[in-house]
Protein backbone atom coordinates (compact mmCIF):
# COMPACT_ATOMS: atom_id res chain seq x y z
CA MET A 1 101.64 74.02 100.94
CA LEU A 2 104.62 76.26 101.65
CA GLU A 3 103.39 79.58 103.02
CA ASP A 4 106.14 82.04 102.12
CA ASP A 5 106.22 85.84 102.14
CA GLU A 6 104.53 86.08 98.73
CA PHE A 7 101.66 83.88 99.93
CA TYR A 8 100.92 86.26 102.81
CA PHE A 9 101.47 89.34 100.65
CA LEU A 10 99.03 88.17 97.98
CA ARG A 11 96.44 87.16 100.56
CA GLY A 12 96.81 90.54 102.23
CA SER A 13 96.40 92.31 98.89
CA ILE A 14 93.13 90.47 98.22
CA LEU A 15 91.80 91.28 101.70
CA ALA A 16 92.79 94.95 101.31
CA GLN A 17 90.91 95.15 97.99
CA GLU A 18 87.85 93.88 99.87
CA ALA A 19 88.37 96.61 102.52
CA ARG A 20 89.06 93.95 105.17
CA TYR A 21 91.91 96.04 106.48
CA GLU A 22 92.53 94.49 109.89
CA GLU A 23 92.81 91.03 108.32
CA ALA A 24 94.98 92.37 105.51
CA LEU A 25 97.28 94.02 108.02
CA GLU A 26 98.05 90.71 109.70
CA GLN A 27 98.98 89.18 106.35
CA PHE A 28 101.34 92.03 105.50
CA ARG A 29 102.92 91.74 108.94
CA MET A 30 103.59 88.06 108.26
CA ALA A 31 105.06 88.85 104.84
CA THR A 32 107.49 91.42 106.24
CA LYS A 33 108.38 89.16 109.16
CA LEU A 34 109.36 86.41 106.73
CA ASN A 35 111.07 88.82 104.34
CA PRO A 36 112.06 92.19 105.84
CA GLN A 37 113.36 93.23 102.37
CA HIS A 38 109.88 93.03 100.81
CA ALA A 39 109.42 96.74 100.01
CA VAL A 40 106.00 96.31 98.43
CA ALA A 41 104.69 94.51 101.52
CA TRP A 42 105.91 97.38 103.71
CA PHE A 43 104.20 99.81 101.33
CA SER A 44 100.97 97.80 101.43
CA MET A 45 101.12 97.63 105.22
CA SER A 46 101.51 101.40 105.34
CA SER A 47 98.64 101.94 102.92
CA THR A 48 96.43 99.65 105.02
CA LEU A 49 97.35 101.43 108.26
CA ASN A 50 96.63 104.72 106.50
CA GLU A 51 93.13 103.44 105.65
CA LEU A 52 92.71 102.53 109.34
CA ARG A 53 93.89 106.05 110.28
CA ARG A 54 96.76 104.63 112.30
CA TYR A 55 99.08 107.24 110.89
CA GLU A 56 102.11 106.90 113.19
CA GLU A 57 102.34 103.19 112.41
CA ALA A 58 101.74 103.92 108.73
CA LEU A 59 104.66 106.35 108.77
CA GLU A 60 106.97 103.75 110.28
CA ALA A 61 106.01 101.22 107.60
CA ILE A 62 106.41 103.60 104.67
CA ASN A 63 109.82 104.65 105.97
CA LYS A 64 110.82 100.97 105.80
CA ALA A 65 109.63 100.79 102.19
CA LEU A 66 111.59 103.93 101.28
CA GLU A 67 114.74 102.65 102.96
CA LEU A 68 114.57 99.73 100.54
CA LYS A 69 113.45 101.73 97.47
CA PRO A 70 114.41 105.40 97.99
CA TRP A 71 113.32 106.49 94.48
CA TRP A 72 109.86 104.91 94.65
CA LEU A 73 107.55 107.82 93.84
CA GLU A 74 104.31 106.12 94.85
CA ALA A 75 105.76 105.39 98.29
CA GLY A 76 107.00 108.97 98.53
CA ILE A 77 103.54 110.31 97.77
CA LEU A 78 102.06 108.08 100.45
CA LYS A 79 104.60 109.34 102.99
CA GLY A 80 103.74 112.93 102.12
CA ALA A 81 100.05 112.16 102.55
CA ILE A 82 100.61 110.47 105.92
CA LEU A 83 102.63 113.43 107.21
CA GLY A 84 99.77 115.66 106.11
CA HIS A 85 97.21 113.50 107.92
CA LEU A 86 99.36 113.86 111.04
CA GLU A 87 99.19 117.65 110.46
CA ARG A 88 102.98 117.73 110.32
CA TYR A 89 102.70 120.10 107.39
CA ASP A 90 106.20 121.59 107.49
CA GLU A 91 107.66 118.07 107.33
CA ALA A 92 105.23 117.13 104.57
CA PHE A 93 106.15 120.14 102.44
CA ALA A 94 109.89 119.63 102.99
CA PHE A 95 109.64 115.97 102.06
CA LEU A 96 107.48 116.62 98.98
CA ASP A 97 109.87 119.37 97.87
CA SER A 98 112.71 116.83 98.08
CA LEU A 99 110.70 114.59 95.75
CA ILE A 100 109.95 117.50 93.41
CA GLU A 101 113.69 118.11 93.03
CA ARG A 102 114.01 114.58 91.62
CA LEU A 103 111.16 114.85 89.13
CA PRO A 104 113.06 116.39 86.18
CA LYS A 105 115.62 113.57 86.23
CA ILE A 106 112.91 110.90 86.42
CA ALA A 107 110.94 112.59 83.61
CA ASP A 108 114.09 112.79 81.47
CA GLU A 109 114.79 109.07 81.96
CA LEU A 110 111.16 108.35 81.10
CA ASP A 111 111.38 110.28 77.83
CA LYS A 112 114.64 108.59 76.84
CA PHE A 113 113.85 104.98 77.58
CA VAL A 114 110.07 104.40 77.68
CA PRO A 115 107.93 104.49 74.50
CA GLU A 116 105.00 106.89 74.37
CA ASP A 117 102.38 104.13 74.12
CA ASN A 118 103.76 102.16 77.08
CA LYS A 119 101.17 101.74 79.85
CA ASP A 120 103.86 102.05 82.51
CA LYS A 121 104.78 105.49 81.16
CA GLU A 122 101.28 106.84 81.75
CA GLU A 123 101.26 105.41 85.27
CA THR A 124 104.64 106.99 86.01
CA LEU A 125 103.49 110.34 84.65
CA GLU A 126 100.50 110.15 86.99
CA HIS A 127 102.86 109.50 89.90
CA LEU A 128 105.08 112.42 88.86
CA ALA A 129 102.01 114.64 88.81
CA GLY A 130 100.83 113.07 92.06
CA VAL A 131 103.71 114.64 94.00
CA TRP A 132 102.49 118.11 93.02
CA TYR A 133 98.87 117.07 93.67
CA CYS A 134 99.69 115.83 97.18
CA LYS A 135 101.42 119.11 97.99
CA ALA A 136 98.43 121.04 96.64
CA ILE A 137 96.01 119.15 98.90
CA PHE A 138 97.86 120.16 102.05
CA LEU A 139 98.56 123.72 100.90
CA GLU A 140 94.81 124.10 100.53
CA LYS A 141 94.28 122.67 104.01
CA VAL A 142 96.48 125.36 105.54
CA GLY A 143 94.75 128.10 103.56
CA ARG A 144 97.42 128.68 100.89
CA GLN A 145 95.02 128.44 97.96
CA GLU A 146 97.01 130.34 95.35
CA GLU A 147 100.05 128.14 95.95
CA ALA A 148 97.82 125.07 95.83
CA LEU A 149 96.54 126.14 92.42
CA GLU A 150 100.11 126.61 91.18
CA CYS A 151 100.93 123.06 92.26
CA LEU A 152 97.84 121.72 90.50
CA GLU A 153 98.87 123.52 87.32
CA LYS A 154 102.25 121.78 87.56
CA ALA A 155 100.51 118.43 88.02
CA LEU A 156 98.30 119.01 84.99
CA GLU A 157 101.24 120.08 82.84
CA ILE A 158 102.81 116.70 83.55
CA TYR A 159 99.62 114.64 83.23
CA PRO A 160 96.72 116.53 81.62
CA ARG A 161 94.29 113.63 82.15
CA PHE A 162 94.71 113.76 85.94
CA SER A 163 91.02 113.94 86.84
CA HIS A 164 91.54 114.27 90.60
CA ALA A 165 93.77 117.29 90.01
CA TRP A 166 91.09 118.87 87.82
CA LEU A 167 88.52 118.20 90.55
CA GLU A 168 90.66 119.75 93.28
CA LYS A 169 91.33 122.74 91.05
CA GLY A 170 87.60 123.19 90.48
CA ILE A 171 86.83 122.97 94.20
CA ILE A 172 89.49 125.53 95.13
CA LEU A 173 88.42 127.93 92.38
CA TRP A 174 84.80 127.65 93.53
CA LYS A 175 85.85 128.50 97.10
CA MET A 176 87.65 131.54 95.67
CA ASN A 177 84.41 132.64 93.95
CA LYS A 178 85.84 132.03 90.49
CA GLU A 179 82.78 130.17 89.28
CA GLU A 180 83.44 130.12 85.52
CA GLU A 181 86.98 128.81 85.94
CA ALA A 182 85.75 126.30 88.49
CA LEU A 183 83.08 124.96 86.15
CA SER A 184 85.64 124.66 83.34
CA ALA A 185 87.83 122.55 85.60
CA ILE A 186 84.88 120.38 86.69
CA TYR A 187 84.01 119.84 83.02
CA MET A 188 87.48 118.36 82.55
CA VAL A 189 86.68 115.85 85.30
CA PHE A 190 83.60 114.81 83.32
CA LYS A 191 85.64 114.59 80.13
CA HIS A 192 88.42 112.41 81.57
CA ASP A 193 86.65 110.45 84.29
CA PRO A 194 82.83 110.30 84.11
CA GLU A 195 82.68 107.97 87.11
CA LEU A 196 84.56 110.42 89.34
CA PHE A 197 82.31 113.22 88.06
CA ARG A 198 79.23 111.15 88.94
CA GLU A 199 80.54 110.48 92.45
CA PHE A 200 81.30 114.18 92.91
CA MET A 201 77.81 115.19 91.81
CA GLN A 202 76.27 112.60 94.14
CA ASP A 203 78.24 114.05 97.03
CA ILE A 204 76.83 117.48 96.21
CA LEU A 205 73.26 116.55 95.33
CA GLY A 206 72.83 113.28 97.23
CA SER A 207 72.03 109.92 95.71
CA PRO A 208 68.48 109.22 94.39
CA GLU A 209 67.94 106.81 97.30
CA GLU A 210 68.43 109.64 99.78
CA LYS A 211 65.65 111.73 98.23
């Protein structure tokens, strides 16, 4: 059997889904060694290193992916998140702002060429919103809650079903003692993603096994 870059990439993807990150990492390394132009393998390597909290290495890998696919929003969001994990917030905000400048053009192309009922369109809208969401997460971390809420509003304008954005909005509003608004946002999590709502409630109340 010929073990090419796709063989190692697919095996790494399976291992990563099973949370076997160290093993997955070796497979992605092999894939990129055999094919340094494999942008998705670089992205997957970065995502795996991010899970392992090896953020400097993750940043190097995602930069490789973005060199190959500069307009790849999902990779851009991951880079912003990694910079935030490294607490390089000024860099994270500058980079995310550079992505935000591109969003209107991407959204315009999406409206022109992709039908409303296309599954890829919904995924792309979530990624467009994800840029604003990522910025909001780190604005909240540095105590800029009002700005974080503004970013979440932008995310929800783009993708109203973005349950994680609703959840973050609810959490921030609760911290700001705006209980009614917070509960309204948390209700939207329940409406759009009951599983995420259940996980959130378990985090607050504890699972039945813990009682």
